[in-house]
Amino acid sequence: MASAKSVKSKPVKEQNEDFTRGKIDDQVAAFLASGGKIQQIPLGVSGQVATSGPRHITLGKRHAN
């Protein structure tokens, strides 16, 4: 007779009160009331800034110029 494996289920994450929908709405309203502004970023725009040029890989020997 085969023995049954005991399988542990993942613990249920408790919802943090700071991240409930009502709390987030209240925080956004307080931010806007204090003079804060929400900036909408267009689709396709990245916050990543390219600090160097492209990196090309050269296989084989280098050619003398």
PDB file of N, CA and C in Angstrom:
ATOM      1  N   MET A   1       0.838  -1.174   0.000  1.00  0.00           N
ATOM      2  CA  MET A   1       0.000   0.000   0.000  1.00  0.00           C
ATOM      3  C   MET A   1       0.888   1.245   0.000  1.00  0.00           C
ATOM      4  N   ALA A   2       0.635   2.188  -0.881  1.00  0.00           N
ATOM      5  CA  ALA A   2       1.446   3.403  -0.971  1.00  0.00           C
ATOM      6  C   ALA A   2       0.994   4.401   0.085  1.00  0.00           C
ATOM      7  N   SER A   3       1.987   5.073   0.659  1.00  0.00           N
ATOM      8  CA  SER A   3       1.634   6.068   1.673  1.00  0.00           C
ATOM      9  C   SER A   3       1.346   7.408   0.994  1.00  0.00           C
ATOM     10  N   ALA A   4       0.424   8.136   1.532  1.00  0.00           N
ATOM     11  CA  ALA A   4       0.057   9.439   0.968  1.00  0.00           C
ATOM     12  C   ALA A   4       1.034  10.494   1.464  1.00  0.00           C
ATOM     13  N   LYS A   5       1.495  11.326   0.552  1.00  0.00           N
ATOM     14  CA  LYS A   5       2.383  12.419   0.939  1.00  0.00           C
ATOM     15  C   LYS A   5       1.555  13.527   1.563  1.00  0.00           C
ATOM     16  N   SER A   6       2.120  14.141   2.576  1.00  0.00           N
ATOM     17  CA  SER A   6       1.409  15.286   3.134  1.00  0.00           C
ATOM     18  C   SER A   6       1.889  16.519   2.373  1.00  0.00           C
ATOM     19  N   VAL A   7       0.968  17.273   1.867  1.00  0.00           N
ATOM     20  CA  VAL A   7       1.276  18.447   1.080  1.00  0.00           C
ATOM     21  C   VAL A   7       0.892  19.676   1.899  1.00  0.00           C
ATOM     22  N   LYS A   8       1.876  20.548   2.077  1.00  0.00           N
ATOM     23  CA  LYS A   8       1.592  21.769   2.818  1.00  0.00           C
ATOM     24  C   LYS A   8       1.127  22.830   1.834  1.00  0.00           C
ATOM     25  N   SER A   9       0.058  23.495   2.190  1.00  0.00           N
ATOM     26  CA  SER A   9      -0.411  24.574   1.330  1.00  0.00           C
ATOM     27  C   SER A   9       0.324  25.856   1.706  1.00  0.00           C
ATOM     28  N   LYS A  10       0.355  26.777   0.764  1.00  0.00           N
ATOM     29  CA  LYS A  10       1.014  28.057   1.015  1.00  0.00           C
ATOM     30  C   LYS A  10       0.197  28.843   2.029  1.00  0.00           C
ATOM     31  N   PRO A  11       0.888  29.552   2.914  1.00  0.00           N
ATOM     32  CA  PRO A  11       0.126  30.354   3.875  1.00  0.00           C
ATOM     33  C   PRO A  11      -0.600  31.499   3.169  1.00  0.00           C
ATOM     34  N   VAL A  12      -1.758  31.821   3.651  1.00  0.00           N
ATOM     35  CA  VAL A  12      -2.546  32.891   3.070  1.00  0.00           C
ATOM     36  C   VAL A  12      -1.962  34.216   3.535  1.00  0.00           C
ATOM     37  N   LYS A  13      -1.673  35.085   2.570  1.00  0.00           N
ATOM     38  CA  LYS A  13      -1.120  36.386   2.919  1.00  0.00           C
ATOM     39  C   LYS A  13      -2.248  37.269   3.432  1.00  0.00           C
ATOM     40  N   GLU A  14      -1.987  37.906   4.569  1.00  0.00           N
ATOM     41  CA  GLU A  14      -2.973  38.826   5.095  1.00  0.00           C
ATOM     42  C   GLU A  14      -2.850  40.147   4.352  1.00  0.00           C
ATOM     43  N   GLN A  15      -3.969  40.759   4.071  1.00  0.00           N
ATOM     44  CA  GLN A  15      -3.955  42.010   3.335  1.00  0.00           C
ATOM     45  C   GLN A  15      -3.578  43.127   4.304  1.00  0.00           C
ATOM     46  N   ASN A  16      -2.522  43.854   3.951  1.00  0.00           N
ATOM     47  CA  ASN A  16      -2.048  44.952   4.764  1.00  0.00           C
ATOM     48  C   ASN A  16      -3.036  46.108   4.638  1.00  0.00           C
ATOM     49  N   GLU A  17      -3.410  46.698   5.762  1.00  0.00           N
ATOM     50  CA  GLU A  17      -4.407  47.760   5.733  1.00  0.00           C
ATOM     51  C   GLU A  17      -3.938  48.983   4.959  1.00  0.00           C
ATOM     52  N   ASP A  18      -2.633  49.188   4.856  1.00  0.00           N
ATOM     53  CA  ASP A  18      -2.109  50.352   4.142  1.00  0.00           C
ATOM     54  C   ASP A  18      -2.369  50.263   2.644  1.00  0.00           C
ATOM     55  N   PHE A  19      -2.684  49.097   2.142  1.00  0.00           N
ATOM     56  CA  PHE A  19      -2.826  48.914   0.705  1.00  0.00           C
ATOM     57  C   PHE A  19      -4.239  48.542   0.287  1.00  0.00           C
ATOM     58  N   THR A  20      -5.201  48.844   1.094  1.00  0.00           N
ATOM     59  CA  THR A  20      -6.573  48.596   0.669  1.00  0.00           C
ATOM     60  C   THR A  20      -6.997  49.716  -0.269  1.00  0.00           C
ATOM     61  N   ARG A  21      -7.958  49.460  -1.086  1.00  0.00           N
ATOM     62  CA  ARG A  21      -8.400  50.414  -2.099  1.00  0.00           C
ATOM     63  C   ARG A  21      -8.806  51.752  -1.479  1.00  0.00           C
ATOM     64  N   GLY A  22      -9.553  51.700  -0.389  1.00  0.00           N
ATOM     65  CA  GLY A  22      -9.995  52.928   0.266  1.00  0.00           C
ATOM     66  C   GLY A  22      -8.837  53.738   0.812  1.00  0.00           C
ATOM     67  N   LYS A  23      -7.849  53.060   1.394  1.00  0.00           N
ATOM     68  CA  LYS A  23      -6.679  53.751   1.945  1.00  0.00           C
ATOM     69  C   LYS A  23      -5.881  54.424   0.825  1.00  0.00           C
ATOM     70  N   ILE A  24      -5.709  53.726  -0.284  1.00  0.00           N
ATOM     71  CA  ILE A  24      -4.956  54.297  -1.407  1.00  0.00           C
ATOM     72  C   ILE A  24      -5.681  55.529  -1.938  1.00  0.00           C
ATOM     73  N   ASP A  25      -6.996  55.443  -2.075  1.00  0.00           N
ATOM     74  CA  ASP A  25      -7.775  56.594  -2.542  1.00  0.00           C
ATOM     75  C   ASP A  25      -7.619  57.775  -1.587  1.00  0.00           C
ATOM     76  N   ASP A  26      -7.632  57.498  -0.278  1.00  0.00           N
ATOM     77  CA  ASP A  26      -7.465  58.563   0.718  1.00  0.00           C
ATOM     78  C   ASP A  26      -6.074  59.187   0.626  1.00  0.00           C
ATOM     79  N   GLN A  27      -5.049  58.354   0.424  1.00  0.00           N
ATOM     80  CA  GLN A  27      -3.684  58.862   0.325  1.00  0.00           C
ATOM     81  C   GLN A  27      -3.500  59.718  -0.932  1.00  0.00           C
ATOM     82  N   VAL A  28      -4.098  59.292  -2.047  1.00  0.00           N
ATOM     83  CA  VAL A  28      -4.008  60.068  -3.289  1.00  0.00           C
ATOM     84  C   VAL A  28      -4.720  61.404  -3.114  1.00  0.00           C
ATOM     85  N   ALA A  29      -5.882  61.400  -2.497  1.00  0.00           N
ATOM     86  CA  ALA A  29      -6.631  62.640  -2.272  1.00  0.00           C
ATOM     87  C   ALA A  29      -5.833  63.594  -1.380  1.00  0.00           C
ATOM     88  N   ALA A  30      -5.192  63.063  -0.332  1.00  0.00           N
ATOM     89  CA  ALA A  30      -4.385  63.897   0.556  1.00  0.00           C
ATOM     90  C   ALA A  30      -3.180  64.459  -0.196  1.00  0.00           C
ATOM     91  N   PHE A  31      -2.568  63.662  -1.059  1.00  0.00           N
ATOM     92  CA  PHE A  31      -1.423  64.111  -1.857  1.00  0.00           C
ATOM     93  C   PHE A  31      -1.826  65.256  -2.776  1.00  0.00           C
ATOM     94  N   LEU A  32      -2.942  65.106  -3.464  1.00  0.00           N
ATOM     95  CA  LEU A  32      -3.417  66.135  -4.383  1.00  0.00           C
ATOM     96  C   LEU A  32      -3.840  67.397  -3.619  1.00  0.00           C
ATOM     97  N   ALA A  33      -4.452  67.233  -2.438  1.00  0.00           N
ATOM     98  CA  ALA A  33      -4.884  68.376  -1.639  1.00  0.00           C
ATOM     99  C   ALA A  33      -3.694  69.179  -1.121  1.00  0.00           C
ATOM    100  N   SER A  34      -2.550  68.505  -0.921  1.00  0.00           N
ATOM    101  CA  SER A  34      -1.361  69.207  -0.408  1.00  0.00           C
ATOM    102  C   SER A  34      -0.577  69.877  -1.533  1.00  0.00           C
ATOM    103  N   GLY A  35      -1.116  69.848  -2.759  1.00  0.00           N
ATOM    104  CA  GLY A  35      -0.453  70.523  -3.874  1.00  0.00           C
ATOM    105  C   GLY A  35       0.327  69.590  -4.779  1.00  0.00           C
ATOM    106  N   GLY A  36       0.291  68.306  -4.506  1.00  0.00           N
ATOM    107  CA  GLY A  36       1.009  67.336  -5.343  1.00  0.00           C
ATOM    108  C   GLY A  36       0.348  67.193  -6.700  1.00  0.00           C
ATOM    109  N   LYS A  37       1.126  66.826  -7.677  1.00  0.00           N
ATOM    110  CA  LYS A  37       0.597  66.625  -9.028  1.00  0.00           C
ATOM    111  C   LYS A  37       0.957  65.226  -9.496  1.00  0.00           C
ATOM    112  N   ILE A  38       0.068  64.620 -10.251  1.00  0.00           N
ATOM    113  CA  ILE A  38       0.303  63.291 -10.815  1.00  0.00           C
ATOM    114  C   ILE A  38       0.695  63.473 -12.269  1.00  0.00           C
ATOM    115  N   GLN A  39       1.837  62.931 -12.628  1.00  0.00           N
ATOM    116  CA  GLN A  39       2.339  63.040 -13.998  1.00  0.00           C
ATOM    117  C   GLN A  39       1.996  61.761 -14.750  1.00  0.00           C
ATOM    118  N   GLN A  40       1.357  61.894 -15.899  1.00  0.00           N
ATOM    119  CA  GLN A  40       1.044  60.729 -16.723  1.00  0.00           C
ATOM    120  C   GLN A  40       2.126  60.582 -17.784  1.00  0.00           C
ATOM    121  N   ILE A  41       2.706  59.404 -17.849  1.00  0.00           N
ATOM    122  CA  ILE A  41       3.776  59.111 -18.789  1.00  0.00           C
ATOM    123  C   ILE A  41       3.165  58.423 -20.013  1.00  0.00           C
ATOM    124  N   PRO A  42       3.465  58.906 -21.229  1.00  0.00           N
ATOM    125  CA  PRO A  42       2.916  58.275 -22.427  1.00  0.00           C
ATOM    126  C   PRO A  42       3.435  56.841 -22.600  1.00  0.00           C
ATOM    127  N   LEU A  43       2.658  56.032 -23.267  1.00  0.00           N
ATOM    128  CA  LEU A  43       3.070  54.656 -23.546  1.00  0.00           C
ATOM    129  C   LEU A  43       4.344  54.654 -24.383  1.00  0.00           C
ATOM    130  N   GLY A  44       5.247  53.734 -24.094  1.00  0.00           N
ATOM    131  CA  GLY A  44       6.468  53.588 -24.867  1.00  0.00           C
ATOM    132  C   GLY A  44       7.628  54.396 -24.337  1.00  0.00           C
ATOM    133  N   VAL A  45       7.393  55.264 -23.347  1.00  0.00           N
ATOM    134  CA  VAL A  45       8.466  56.076 -22.789  1.00  0.00           C
ATOM    135  C   VAL A  45       9.099  55.306 -21.643  1.00  0.00           C
ATOM    136  N   SER A  46      10.413  55.292 -21.612  1.00  0.00           N
ATOM    137  CA  SER A  46      11.138  54.570 -20.570  1.00  0.00           C
ATOM    138  C   SER A  46      11.860  55.561 -19.671  1.00  0.00           C
ATOM    139  N   GLY A  47      11.999  55.224 -18.423  1.00  0.00           N
ATOM    140  CA  GLY A  47      12.755  56.047 -17.488  1.00  0.00           C
ATOM    141  C   GLY A  47      14.222  55.696 -17.493  1.00  0.00           C
ATOM    142  N   GLN A  48      14.599  54.693 -18.242  1.00  0.00           N
ATOM    143  CA  GLN A  48      15.992  54.256 -18.287  1.00  0.00           C
ATOM    144  C   GLN A  48      16.779  55.216 -19.170  1.00  0.00           C
ATOM    145  N   VAL A  49      17.898  55.690 -18.624  1.00  0.00           N
ATOM    146  CA  VAL A  49      18.752  56.616 -19.348  1.00  0.00           C
ATOM    147  C   VAL A  49      19.965  55.844 -19.849  1.00  0.00           C
ATOM    148  N   ALA A  50      20.206  55.901 -21.159  1.00  0.00           N
ATOM    149  CA  ALA A  50      21.365  55.216 -21.732  1.00  0.00           C
ATOM    150  C   ALA A  50      22.610  56.037 -21.398  1.00  0.00           C
ATOM    151  N   THR A  51      23.527  55.442 -20.638  1.00  0.00           N
ATOM    152  CA  THR A  51      24.733  56.163 -20.240  1.00  0.00           C
ATOM    153  C   THR A  51      25.914  55.840 -21.141  1.00  0.00           C
ATOM    154  N   SER A  52      25.788  54.837 -21.956  1.00  0.00           N
ATOM    155  CA  SER A  52      26.872  54.490 -22.870  1.00  0.00           C
ATOM    156  C   SER A  52      26.276  54.104 -24.218  1.00  0.00           C
ATOM    157  N   GLY A  53      27.139  54.077 -25.208  1.00  0.00           N
ATOM    158  CA  GLY A  53      26.700  53.705 -26.548  1.00  0.00           C
ATOM    159  C   GLY A  53      26.467  52.213 -26.642  1.00  0.00           C
ATOM    160  N   PRO A  54      26.125  51.746 -27.827  1.00  0.00           N
ATOM    161  CA  PRO A  54      25.900  50.312 -28.005  1.00  0.00           C
ATOM    162  C   PRO A  54      27.192  49.526 -27.839  1.00  0.00           C
ATOM    163  N   ARG A  55      27.065  48.325 -27.370  1.00  0.00           N
ATOM    164  CA  ARG A  55      28.225  47.454 -27.187  1.00  0.00           C
ATOM    165  C   ARG A  55      28.191  46.377 -28.268  1.00  0.00           C
ATOM    166  N   HIS A  56      29.177  46.414 -29.122  1.00  0.00           N
ATOM    167  CA  HIS A  56      29.253  45.429 -30.189  1.00  0.00           C
ATOM    168  C   HIS A  56      30.291  44.387 -29.819  1.00  0.00           C
ATOM    169  N   ILE A  57      29.988  43.159 -30.058  1.00  0.00           N
ATOM    170  CA  ILE A  57      30.919  42.074 -29.779  1.00  0.00           C
ATOM    171  C   ILE A  57      31.630  41.724 -31.078  1.00  0.00           C
ATOM    172  N   THR A  58      32.949  41.692 -31.027  1.00  0.00           N
ATOM    173  CA  THR A  58      33.743  41.330 -32.200  1.00  0.00           C
ATOM    174  C   THR A  58      34.389  39.985 -31.939  1.00  0.00           C
ATOM    175  N   LEU A  59      34.083  39.035 -32.778  1.00  0.00           N
ATOM    176  CA  LEU A  59      34.680  37.703 -32.663  1.00  0.00           C
ATOM    177  C   LEU A  59      35.836  37.594 -33.639  1.00  0.00           C
ATOM    178  N   GLY A  60      36.887  36.979 -33.211  1.00  0.00           N
ATOM    179  CA  GLY A  60      38.040  36.815 -34.094  1.00  0.00           C
ATOM    180  C   GLY A  60      39.090  37.875 -33.864  1.00  0.00           C
ATOM    181  N   LYS A  61      40.030  37.980 -34.803  1.00  0.00           N
ATOM    182  CA  LYS A  61      41.122  38.917 -34.660  1.00  0.00           C
ATOM    183  C   LYS A  61      40.687  40.326 -35.047  1.00  0.00           C
ATOM    184  N   ARG A  62      41.325  41.296 -34.414  1.00  0.00           N
ATOM    185  CA  ARG A  62      41.045  42.683 -34.767  1.00  0.00           C
ATOM    186  C   ARG A  62      41.791  43.043 -36.036  1.00  0.00           C
ATOM    187  N   HIS A  63      41.158  43.839 -36.842  1.00  0.00           N
ATOM    188  CA  HIS A  63      41.795  44.298 -38.070  1.00  0.00           C
ATOM    189  C   HIS A  63      42.556  45.581 -37.788  1.00  0.00           C
ATOM    190  N   ALA A  64      43.794  45.693 -38.296  1.00  0.00           N
ATOM    191  CA  ALA A  64      44.577  46.905 -38.111  1.00  0.00           C
ATOM    192  C   ALA A  64      44.093  47.969 -39.092  1.00  0.00           C
ATOM    193  N   ASN A  65      43.944  49.185 -38.616  1.00  0.00           N
ATOM    194  CA  ASN A  65      43.492  50.280 -39.473  1.00  0.00           C
ATOM    195  C   ASN A  65      44.639  51.020 -40.056  1.00  0.00           C
TER     196      ASN A  65
END
